[in-house]
Protein backbone atom coordinates (compact mmCIF):
# COMPACT_ATOMS: atom_id res chain seq x y z
CA UNK A 1 110.27 155.72 88.73
CA UNK A 2 111.73 154.08 85.63
CA UNK A 3 109.46 153.52 82.63
CA UNK A 4 110.53 151.64 79.49
CA UNK A 5 110.03 153.70 76.33
CA UNK A 6 109.85 151.32 73.36
CA UNK A 7 108.20 153.80 70.97
CA UNK A 8 106.83 157.30 70.45
CA UNK A 9 103.41 156.37 71.84
CA UNK A 10 104.97 155.42 75.18
CA UNK A 11 106.73 158.76 75.57
CA UNK A 12 103.49 160.46 74.55
CA UNK A 13 101.70 158.71 77.41
CA UNK A 14 104.39 159.89 79.83
CA UNK A 15 104.06 163.48 78.61
CA UNK A 16 100.27 163.44 78.89
CA UNK A 17 100.30 161.80 82.33
CA UNK A 18 102.92 164.28 83.58
CA UNK A 19 100.85 167.23 82.38
CA UNK A 20 97.58 165.87 83.80
CA UNK A 21 99.20 164.99 87.14
CA UNK A 22 100.17 168.65 87.42
CA UNK A 23 96.57 169.61 86.52
CA UNK A 24 97.70 171.77 83.60
CA UNK A 25 95.57 172.16 80.48
CA UNK A 26 97.29 171.35 77.22
CA UNK A 27 97.12 174.94 75.95
CA UNK A 28 98.50 176.34 79.21
CA UNK A 29 101.33 173.79 79.29
CA UNK A 30 102.26 174.50 75.69
CA UNK A 31 102.30 178.24 76.33
CA UNK A 32 104.44 178.03 79.45
CA UNK A 33 106.89 175.61 77.81
CA UNK A 34 107.14 177.67 74.63
CA UNK A 35 105.74 175.25 72.06
CA UNK A 36 102.47 175.26 70.15
CA UNK A 37 99.45 173.40 71.46
CA UNK A 38 99.45 171.47 68.18
CA UNK A 39 103.03 170.31 68.79
CA UNK A 40 102.30 169.24 72.37
CA UNK A 41 99.24 167.34 71.15
CA UNK A 42 101.34 165.63 68.50
CA UNK A 43 103.77 164.43 71.17
CA UNK A 44 100.95 163.24 73.42
CA UNK A 45 99.43 161.28 70.53
CA UNK A 46 102.76 159.54 69.91
CA UNK A 47 103.68 161.38 66.72
CA UNK A 48 106.80 159.84 65.28
CA UNK A 49 108.06 162.90 63.40
CA UNK A 50 108.72 165.48 66.10
CA UNK A 51 111.76 167.70 66.51
CA UNK A 52 114.17 166.34 69.10
CA UNK A 53 115.02 169.74 70.55
CA UNK A 54 111.38 170.64 71.09
CA UNK A 55 110.62 167.20 72.53
CA UNK A 56 113.34 167.66 75.14
CA UNK A 57 112.05 171.18 75.79
CA UNK A 58 108.61 169.71 76.58
CA UNK A 59 110.06 166.97 78.78
CA UNK A 60 112.14 169.47 80.74
CA UNK A 61 109.18 171.83 81.05
CA UNK A 62 107.14 169.05 82.63
CA UNK A 63 109.96 167.92 84.93
CA UNK A 64 110.63 164.65 83.10
CA UNK A 65 114.25 163.48 82.96
CA UNK A 66 115.46 161.18 80.22
CA UNK A 67 118.03 158.51 81.06
CA UNK A 68 119.40 155.80 78.84
CA UNK A 69 120.40 152.40 80.20
CA UNK A 70 123.39 151.26 78.15
CA UNK A 71 125.60 148.17 78.32
CA UNK A 72 128.91 148.58 80.16
CA UNK A 73 130.81 148.35 76.87
CA UNK A 74 129.02 151.48 75.65
CA UNK A 75 129.68 153.27 78.92
CA UNK A 76 133.40 152.51 78.64
CA UNK A 77 133.42 153.90 75.09
CA UNK A 78 131.62 157.07 76.16
CA UNK A 79 134.04 157.63 79.04
CA UNK A 80 137.13 157.34 76.82
CA UNK A 81 138.07 160.84 75.57
CA UNK A 82 139.94 159.32 72.63
CA UNK A 83 136.61 158.24 71.13
CA UNK A 84 135.12 161.74 70.98
CA UNK A 85 137.40 163.53 68.48
CA UNK A 86 135.97 166.98 69.14
CA UNK A 87 132.37 165.89 69.67
CA UNK A 88 130.53 166.05 73.02
């Protein structure tokens, strides 16, 4: 299922719904994912100042994949190795 994510609150709703659908308490989810319960709560509340690495850790831990729909012009740029200059 594809869900538009226009802001932090929307991704927070996805995280909370994913956790609840798996019937996992917030403290148990945080512990198994390796983040604090406070951090997980901050994500679920749509906190706008979270660490990217930890956010992706939470998403992966809950089985949520992130995909970005980009225009073809961006895709062509990304696929051209000459545009990377040593960066992934």
